[in-house]
Amino acid sequence: MGEATTVSTRRPWARVLTVVLVVVVASAAAFAGGWALRELAAPVVVDAAAPVVYVPIAEGEVKSTVTLGATSAWTRSALAPNSAVGVLTSLPEEGQEVAEGSVLYTVDLRPIVLGVGSIPMFRDLVEGASGDDVEQLQAFLSRLGYFNATPDGEFGGLTTRAVSMWQHDLGVERTSTVRRGDILFTSDATLRVVRTADMSVGANLSGGEAVLERLSPQPEIYLTLTESQKSVVAAGMRVMIADAAGGQREGTVGEIRPDLTDPTRSRAILLSADGGPLCADFCGAPGTESSFLVQVYQAGPVSGLTVPSTVIRTSGTGETFVVGEAGQDLPVTVLLAASGTAVIEGDGLSVGMQIAVPDGR
């Protein structure tokens, strides 16, 4: 009975203690929650004593570029095959320019001359011959000033005298007979030539050989692009290349086509401002390849008022602005940003105006 009384007298104190603890804990939780709400709702307090860093608006140029390697190469194509028989006794210089009436090479010391026409020299032409090939010969002699009549395809006395005078000036025997192979007729009045890979002085010719090849009038310069590089280069982009004198040549990216020598790559052809080859006169000797570094402008250049890109801020509605020295928001339009610098425009902006750097950075 005594123990029961003791226990019952302690329980009210336990209940009181429990209630007190609950009240204390609840009060602490309420205080903590209220403090947290007040802190989250309160504005961020900026230390007024912290220095504000400013940068001046400048005037400059911004561009986004990529530098790639370029190659210049002359395109080769077949020239009419040789028709002369004998030993090859001379060849032109590599890349030499030859005009109609000039000597291409010699066989047994006899000159082989360039002429404009579409019919190969398939036979000897002598007085009494007739045909389209005779008319072609007469037109050739007329352009050189030896035949003073209308070409008619009939090898008569006027043609005989014209051939004789031409042979005299050429330094060969005046036979008045044009031997097969004496003239190499092609479609070009002037061309650059290079010897074929397996041809050299002393070679024995039996007719039908390709002694020379025609070079393109100007070299083609191109970028060789990998798949990843192709994604950053597009037709119409501006390019700059250094010429042999240390100056700069401006051009554009033209056609981008598959590289026939490597199916995993592409070629971007570089053109001059007028649409011709970019390196018409500084890409190395005719017939040779040269390498260059080319700057490709992916964007720009754009000139104007410039600031570091870090001072550009964006509002909650997406407008861009900068903060002036007096703390005022100044709306701006970003024309181009690259390499940490932005070109901007906006009302009231001028060179030298101080712009605040966010957070003093």
Protein backbone atom coordinates (compact mmCIF):
# COMPACT_ATOMS: atom_id res chain seq x y z
CA MET A 1 0.00 0.00 0.00
CA GLY A 2 2.86 2.40 0.81
CA GLU A 3 4.58 1.79 -2.46
CA ALA A 4 1.35 2.42 -4.36
CA THR A 5 0.98 5.82 -2.64
CA THR A 6 4.52 6.81 -3.51
CA VAL A 7 4.12 6.00 -7.17
CA SER A 8 0.85 7.84 -7.45
CA THR A 9 2.31 10.96 -5.81
CA ARG A 10 5.18 11.05 -8.38
CA ARG A 11 3.06 10.83 -11.53
CA PRO A 12 1.65 14.41 -11.37
CA TRP A 13 5.22 15.77 -11.30
CA ALA A 14 6.16 13.62 -14.27
CA ARG A 15 3.20 14.89 -16.19
CA VAL A 16 4.07 18.48 -15.33
CA LEU A 17 7.68 17.95 -16.41
CA THR A 18 6.56 16.39 -19.70
CA VAL A 19 4.22 19.30 -20.40
CA VAL A 20 6.98 21.81 -19.68
CA LEU A 21 9.40 20.00 -21.98
CA VAL A 22 6.81 19.86 -24.77
CA VAL A 23 6.10 23.58 -24.41
CA VAL A 24 9.82 24.43 -24.45
CA VAL A 25 10.50 22.27 -27.51
CA ALA A 26 7.46 23.63 -29.35
CA SER A 27 8.46 27.19 -28.56
CA ALA A 28 12.01 26.57 -29.78
CA ALA A 29 10.72 25.01 -32.99
CA ALA A 30 8.35 27.90 -33.55
CA PHE A 31 11.18 30.39 -32.98
CA ALA A 32 13.52 28.55 -35.32
CA GLY A 33 10.89 28.26 -38.06
CA GLY A 34 10.04 31.94 -37.80
CA TRP A 35 13.73 32.88 -38.03
CA ALA A 36 14.19 30.71 -41.11
CA LEU A 37 11.18 32.23 -42.81
CA ARG A 38 12.37 35.73 -42.00
CA GLU A 39 15.85 34.98 -43.39
CA LEU A 40 14.56 33.47 -46.66
CA ALA A 41 12.10 36.29 -47.15
CA ALA A 42 14.58 39.04 -46.38
CA PRO A 43 16.50 40.71 -49.24
CA VAL A 44 20.21 39.90 -49.67
CA VAL A 45 22.18 42.48 -47.81
CA VAL A 46 25.14 43.80 -49.80
CA ASP A 47 28.11 45.03 -47.92
CA ALA A 48 28.08 48.73 -48.69
CA ALA A 49 31.71 48.96 -47.74
CA ALA A 50 32.77 46.50 -50.46
CA PRO A 51 34.43 48.35 -53.36
CA VAL A 52 32.65 48.40 -56.74
CA VAL A 53 34.87 47.58 -59.71
CA TYR A 54 34.28 49.42 -62.98
CA VAL A 55 35.58 48.97 -66.49
CA PRO A 56 35.41 51.60 -69.24
CA ILE A 57 33.60 51.15 -72.53
CA ALA A 58 36.17 50.96 -75.31
CA GLU A 59 36.11 50.99 -79.08
CA GLY A 60 37.29 47.88 -80.87
CA GLU A 61 36.58 44.86 -83.02
CA VAL A 62 35.31 41.38 -82.14
CA LYS A 63 35.52 38.32 -84.31
CA SER A 64 35.08 34.58 -83.94
CA THR A 65 37.67 32.69 -85.98
CA VAL A 66 39.22 29.29 -86.47
CA THR A 67 42.67 28.76 -88.01
CA LEU A 68 43.06 25.83 -90.41
CA GLY A 69 45.69 24.55 -92.81
CA ALA A 70 45.15 25.05 -96.54
CA THR A 71 46.79 23.55 -99.62
CA SER A 72 47.23 25.04 -103.07
CA ALA A 73 47.49 22.71 -106.05
CA TRP A 74 47.45 22.99 -109.82
CA THR A 75 45.02 20.71 -111.62
CA ARG A 76 46.58 18.59 -114.37
CA SER A 77 44.79 17.34 -117.48
CA ALA A 78 45.81 15.40 -120.57
CA LEU A 79 47.25 17.20 -123.57
CA ALA A 80 46.87 15.88 -127.11
CA PRO A 81 49.16 12.86 -127.61
CA ASN A 82 52.39 13.14 -129.53
CA SER A 83 52.33 12.09 -133.22
CA ALA A 84 56.03 12.49 -134.05
CA VAL A 85 58.42 9.53 -134.23
CA GLY A 86 62.01 9.72 -133.00
CA VAL A 87 64.06 10.67 -129.94
CA LEU A 88 62.78 13.32 -127.55
CA THR A 89 65.55 15.95 -127.66
CA SER A 90 64.12 18.79 -125.53
CA LEU A 91 61.28 19.58 -123.13
CA PRO A 92 59.91 22.89 -121.82
CA GLU A 93 60.52 24.14 -118.30
CA GLU A 94 58.03 22.84 -115.74
CA GLY A 95 55.04 25.16 -115.65
CA GLN A 96 56.19 27.09 -118.71
CA GLU A 97 53.52 29.08 -120.48
CA VAL A 98 53.33 28.33 -124.21
CA ALA A 99 51.37 30.33 -126.78
CA GLU A 100 50.10 29.23 -130.20
CA GLY A 101 52.97 29.06 -132.68
CA SER A 102 55.57 28.43 -129.95
CA VAL A 103 57.66 25.27 -129.60
CA LEU A 104 56.40 22.70 -127.07
CA TYR A 105 59.29 20.19 -127.40
CA THR A 106 61.58 18.77 -130.08
CA VAL A 107 61.88 15.29 -131.59
CA ASP A 108 65.15 14.59 -133.41
CA LEU A 109 65.75 18.35 -132.93
CA ARG A 110 62.65 19.13 -135.01
CA PRO A 111 60.25 21.56 -133.27
CA ILE A 112 56.77 20.41 -132.31
CA VAL A 113 54.60 23.53 -132.32
CA LEU A 114 51.39 24.38 -130.44
CA GLY A 115 48.34 25.10 -132.60
CA VAL A 116 44.65 25.68 -131.90
CA GLY A 117 42.34 23.11 -133.44
CA SER A 118 40.35 19.96 -132.80
CA ILE A 119 41.70 17.60 -135.49
CA PRO A 120 44.89 15.68 -134.65
CA MET A 121 47.74 15.68 -137.17
CA PHE A 122 47.12 12.21 -138.56
CA ARG A 123 48.93 12.61 -141.91
CA ASP A 124 51.53 14.64 -143.77
CA LEU A 125 50.00 17.65 -145.53
CA VAL A 126 51.37 18.59 -148.94
CA GLU A 127 50.23 20.58 -151.96
CA GLY A 128 47.17 18.94 -153.50
CA ALA A 129 45.72 17.71 -150.21
CA SER A 130 42.25 18.80 -149.16
CA GLY A 131 40.00 18.38 -146.17
CA ASP A 132 39.08 19.80 -142.81
CA ASP A 133 42.61 19.25 -141.51
CA VAL A 134 43.96 21.41 -144.37
CA GLU A 135 41.47 24.15 -143.50
CA GLN A 136 42.61 23.89 -139.86
CA LEU A 137 46.25 24.28 -141.00
CA GLN A 138 45.36 27.32 -143.13
CA ALA A 139 43.57 28.95 -140.15
CA PHE A 140 46.65 28.30 -138.01
CA LEU A 141 48.97 29.91 -140.61
CA SER A 142 46.54 32.82 -140.98
CA ARG A 143 46.61 33.60 -137.25
CA LEU A 144 50.41 33.60 -137.37
CA GLY A 145 50.37 36.01 -140.35
CA TYR A 146 51.58 33.68 -143.10
CA PHE A 147 48.36 32.83 -144.97
CA ASN A 148 46.53 35.86 -146.38
CA ALA A 149 43.42 34.27 -147.79
CA THR A 150 40.19 32.68 -146.56
CA PRO A 151 40.80 29.08 -145.40
CA ASP A 152 39.05 26.76 -147.86
CA GLY A 153 40.53 23.33 -147.15
CA GLU A 154 42.43 23.20 -150.44
CA PHE A 155 46.25 22.95 -150.22
CA GLY A 156 47.23 25.13 -153.19
CA GLY A 157 49.99 27.58 -154.08
CA LEU A 158 49.10 30.14 -151.40
CA THR A 159 49.22 27.47 -148.73
CA THR A 160 52.53 26.13 -150.09
CA ARG A 161 54.13 29.59 -149.89
CA ALA A 162 52.70 30.16 -146.38
CA VAL A 163 54.11 26.84 -145.13
CA SER A 164 57.51 27.65 -146.70
CA MET A 165 57.73 31.03 -144.94
CA TRP A 166 56.62 29.48 -141.63
CA GLN A 167 59.28 26.76 -141.89
CA HIS A 168 61.96 29.36 -142.65
CA ASP A 169 61.11 31.36 -139.53
CA LEU A 170 60.91 28.14 -137.49
CA GLY A 171 64.45 27.19 -138.55
CA VAL A 172 63.66 23.94 -140.35
CA GLU A 173 64.15 22.84 -143.96
CA ARG A 174 61.72 24.60 -146.34
CA THR A 175 59.99 21.57 -147.81
CA SER A 176 56.50 23.16 -147.91
CA THR A 177 55.31 19.88 -146.42
CA VAL A 178 53.84 19.79 -142.92
CA ARG A 179 54.80 16.45 -141.47
CA ARG A 180 52.50 14.46 -139.23
CA GLY A 181 53.19 15.58 -135.69
CA ASP A 182 54.82 18.94 -136.59
CA ILE A 183 51.88 20.72 -134.96
CA LEU A 184 50.16 19.60 -131.76
CA PHE A 185 46.63 20.94 -132.01
CA THR A 186 44.77 21.66 -128.76
CA SER A 187 41.79 23.76 -127.67
CA ASP A 188 43.90 26.41 -125.92
CA ALA A 189 45.79 29.28 -127.54
CA THR A 190 47.91 29.64 -124.40
CA LEU A 191 48.59 27.03 -121.76
CA ARG A 192 50.96 26.03 -118.99
CA VAL A 193 52.57 22.64 -119.44
CA VAL A 194 54.44 20.09 -117.35
CA ARG A 195 56.02 16.87 -118.47
CA THR A 196 54.31 13.60 -117.68
CA ALA A 197 55.79 11.59 -114.83
CA ASP A 198 57.62 9.02 -116.98
CA MET A 199 58.84 11.37 -119.73
CA SER A 200 62.38 12.74 -120.03
CA VAL A 201 64.81 13.89 -122.72
CA GLY A 202 66.21 10.87 -124.57
CA ALA A 203 62.98 8.91 -124.57
CA ASN A 204 62.17 7.04 -127.77
CA LEU A 205 58.82 8.12 -129.20
CA SER A 206 56.80 5.99 -131.57
CA GLY A 207 53.64 8.13 -131.61
CA GLY A 208 50.67 8.16 -129.27
CA GLU A 209 52.61 9.02 -126.09
CA ALA A 210 51.51 11.67 -123.59
CA VAL A 211 54.64 13.81 -123.50
CA LEU A 212 53.11 16.82 -121.71
CA GLU A 213 50.15 17.64 -119.47
CA ARG A 214 48.17 20.85 -119.26
CA LEU A 215 48.06 22.78 -115.97
CA SER A 216 45.00 24.68 -114.85
CA PRO A 217 45.33 28.42 -115.58
CA GLN A 218 45.57 29.12 -111.84
CA PRO A 219 46.08 26.96 -108.76
CA GLU A 220 43.18 25.91 -106.58
CA ILE A 221 43.49 26.48 -102.85
CA TYR A 222 41.39 24.43 -100.46
CA LEU A 223 40.90 23.39 -96.85
CA THR A 224 40.92 19.67 -96.12
CA LEU A 225 38.22 19.19 -93.48
CA THR A 226 37.59 16.36 -91.07
CA GLU A 227 33.99 15.64 -90.09
CA SER A 228 34.35 17.76 -86.93
CA GLN A 229 35.98 20.64 -88.84
CA LYS A 230 33.25 20.50 -91.46
CA SER A 231 30.73 21.41 -88.74
CA VAL A 232 32.46 24.76 -88.09
CA VAL A 233 33.13 25.82 -91.70
CA ALA A 234 30.36 26.86 -94.09
CA ALA A 235 30.18 28.26 -97.61
CA GLY A 236 30.24 32.05 -97.67
CA MET A 237 32.43 32.47 -94.59
CA ARG A 238 35.12 35.13 -94.91
CA VAL A 239 38.76 33.99 -94.88
CA MET A 240 42.15 35.68 -94.62
CA ILE A 241 45.43 34.23 -95.82
CA ALA A 242 48.96 35.64 -95.62
CA ASP A 243 50.63 36.16 -98.99
CA ALA A 244 54.32 35.75 -99.78
CA ALA A 245 55.03 39.43 -99.05
CA GLY A 246 53.60 39.19 -95.56
CA GLY A 247 50.35 40.93 -96.46
CA GLN A 248 46.82 39.62 -96.12
CA ARG A 249 44.55 38.29 -98.85
CA GLU A 250 40.80 38.23 -98.26
CA GLY A 251 38.45 35.67 -99.74
CA THR A 252 35.49 33.45 -99.01
CA VAL A 253 34.70 29.77 -98.57
CA GLY A 254 33.20 28.46 -101.79
CA GLU A 255 31.96 25.00 -102.61
CA ILE A 256 32.49 22.23 -100.04
CA ARG A 257 32.76 18.88 -101.78
CA PRO A 258 34.00 15.35 -101.02
CA ASP A 259 37.75 14.79 -101.12
CA LEU A 260 38.22 12.20 -103.86
CA THR A 261 41.55 11.11 -102.37
CA ASP A 262 40.08 10.50 -98.88
CA PRO A 263 36.38 9.65 -98.48
CA THR A 264 36.48 10.52 -94.76
CA ARG A 265 37.28 14.17 -95.50
CA SER A 266 35.90 17.10 -97.48
CA ARG A 267 37.46 19.96 -99.42
CA ALA A 268 36.37 23.56 -98.96
CA ILE A 269 37.43 25.55 -102.03
CA LEU A 270 38.65 29.07 -101.22
CA LEU A 271 37.76 31.86 -103.63
CA SER A 272 38.81 35.47 -104.10
CA ALA A 273 36.37 38.33 -103.68
CA ASP A 274 35.49 38.17 -107.40
CA GLY A 275 34.85 34.42 -107.30
CA GLY A 276 38.16 33.31 -108.84
CA PRO A 277 40.93 31.26 -107.22
CA LEU A 278 42.18 32.86 -104.01
CA CYS A 279 45.91 32.46 -104.62
CA ALA A 280 46.26 33.33 -108.28
CA ASP A 281 49.76 34.75 -108.00
CA PHE A 282 51.39 33.78 -104.72
CA CYS A 283 50.82 30.05 -104.29
CA GLY A 284 54.22 28.81 -105.36
CA ALA A 285 55.74 27.77 -108.66
CA PRO A 286 53.42 26.34 -111.32
CA GLY A 287 52.89 22.63 -110.87
CA THR A 288 53.95 22.64 -107.20
CA GLU A 289 51.91 22.36 -104.00
CA SER A 290 52.11 24.88 -101.16
CA SER A 291 50.70 25.00 -97.63
CA PHE A 292 49.22 27.96 -95.77
CA LEU A 293 47.46 28.84 -92.55
CA VAL A 294 44.04 30.34 -93.20
CA GLN A 295 41.91 32.24 -90.73
CA VAL A 296 38.22 31.43 -91.19
CA TYR A 297 35.78 33.99 -89.80
CA GLN A 298 32.85 32.12 -88.31
CA ALA A 299 31.37 35.45 -87.19
CA GLY A 300 32.41 39.07 -87.58
CA PRO A 301 34.49 41.02 -87.50
CA VAL A 302 32.13 43.56 -85.92
CA SER A 303 33.43 46.97 -84.83
CA GLY A 304 31.92 49.30 -82.26
CA LEU A 305 31.69 49.85 -78.51
CA THR A 306 33.22 46.95 -76.59
CA VAL A 307 33.08 45.72 -73.00
CA PRO A 308 34.10 42.50 -71.28
CA SER A 309 31.37 39.92 -71.74
CA THR A 310 31.17 39.50 -67.94
CA VAL A 311 29.54 42.93 -67.45
CA ILE A 312 26.52 41.99 -69.59
CA ARG A 313 23.52 41.17 -67.39
CA THR A 314 20.15 39.68 -68.24
CA SER A 315 16.84 40.67 -66.66
CA GLY A 316 14.13 38.25 -65.65
CA THR A 317 12.33 39.02 -68.90
CA GLY A 318 15.40 38.30 -71.05
CA GLU A 319 16.55 41.86 -71.82
CA THR A 320 20.29 42.53 -71.67
CA PHE A 321 21.70 45.52 -69.81
CA VAL A 322 24.76 46.92 -68.07
CA VAL A 323 24.97 48.92 -64.88
CA GLY A 324 26.40 52.42 -65.10
CA GLU A 325 28.53 54.28 -62.57
CA ALA A 326 25.46 55.80 -60.91
CA GLY A 327 23.89 52.37 -60.48
CA GLN A 328 21.43 52.83 -63.31
CA ASP A 329 20.45 49.97 -65.64
CA LEU A 330 21.43 50.74 -69.24
CA PRO A 331 19.68 48.54 -71.85
CA VAL A 332 22.09 47.22 -74.51
CA THR A 333 22.00 45.07 -77.63
CA VAL A 334 24.87 42.59 -77.99
CA LEU A 335 26.01 42.56 -81.63
CA LEU A 336 28.68 39.88 -81.18
CA ALA A 337 30.47 38.26 -78.26
CA ALA A 338 33.61 36.17 -78.63
CA SER A 339 36.82 35.50 -76.70
CA GLY A 340 35.53 37.31 -73.60
CA THR A 341 34.63 40.58 -75.34
CA ALA A 342 31.27 41.86 -76.57
CA VAL A 343 30.34 44.56 -79.06
CA ILE A 344 27.29 46.45 -77.77
CA GLU A 345 25.04 49.29 -78.76
CA GLY A 346 22.48 51.27 -76.81
CA ASP A 347 21.22 54.78 -76.10
CA GLY A 348 23.53 56.98 -74.09
CA LEU A 349 26.59 54.72 -74.37
CA SER A 350 29.95 56.23 -75.22
CA VAL A 351 33.64 55.43 -75.13
CA GLY A 352 35.09 55.86 -71.62
CA MET A 353 31.78 55.42 -69.77
CA GLN A 354 32.31 53.33 -66.61
CA ILE A 355 30.39 50.08 -66.31
CA ALA A 356 30.07 48.10 -63.07
CA VAL A 357 31.44 44.58 -62.90
CA PRO A 358 28.99 42.17 -61.20
CA ASP A 359 30.15 41.21 -57.65
CA GLY A 360 33.26 43.30 -58.10
CA ARG A 361 34.89 40.69 -60.35
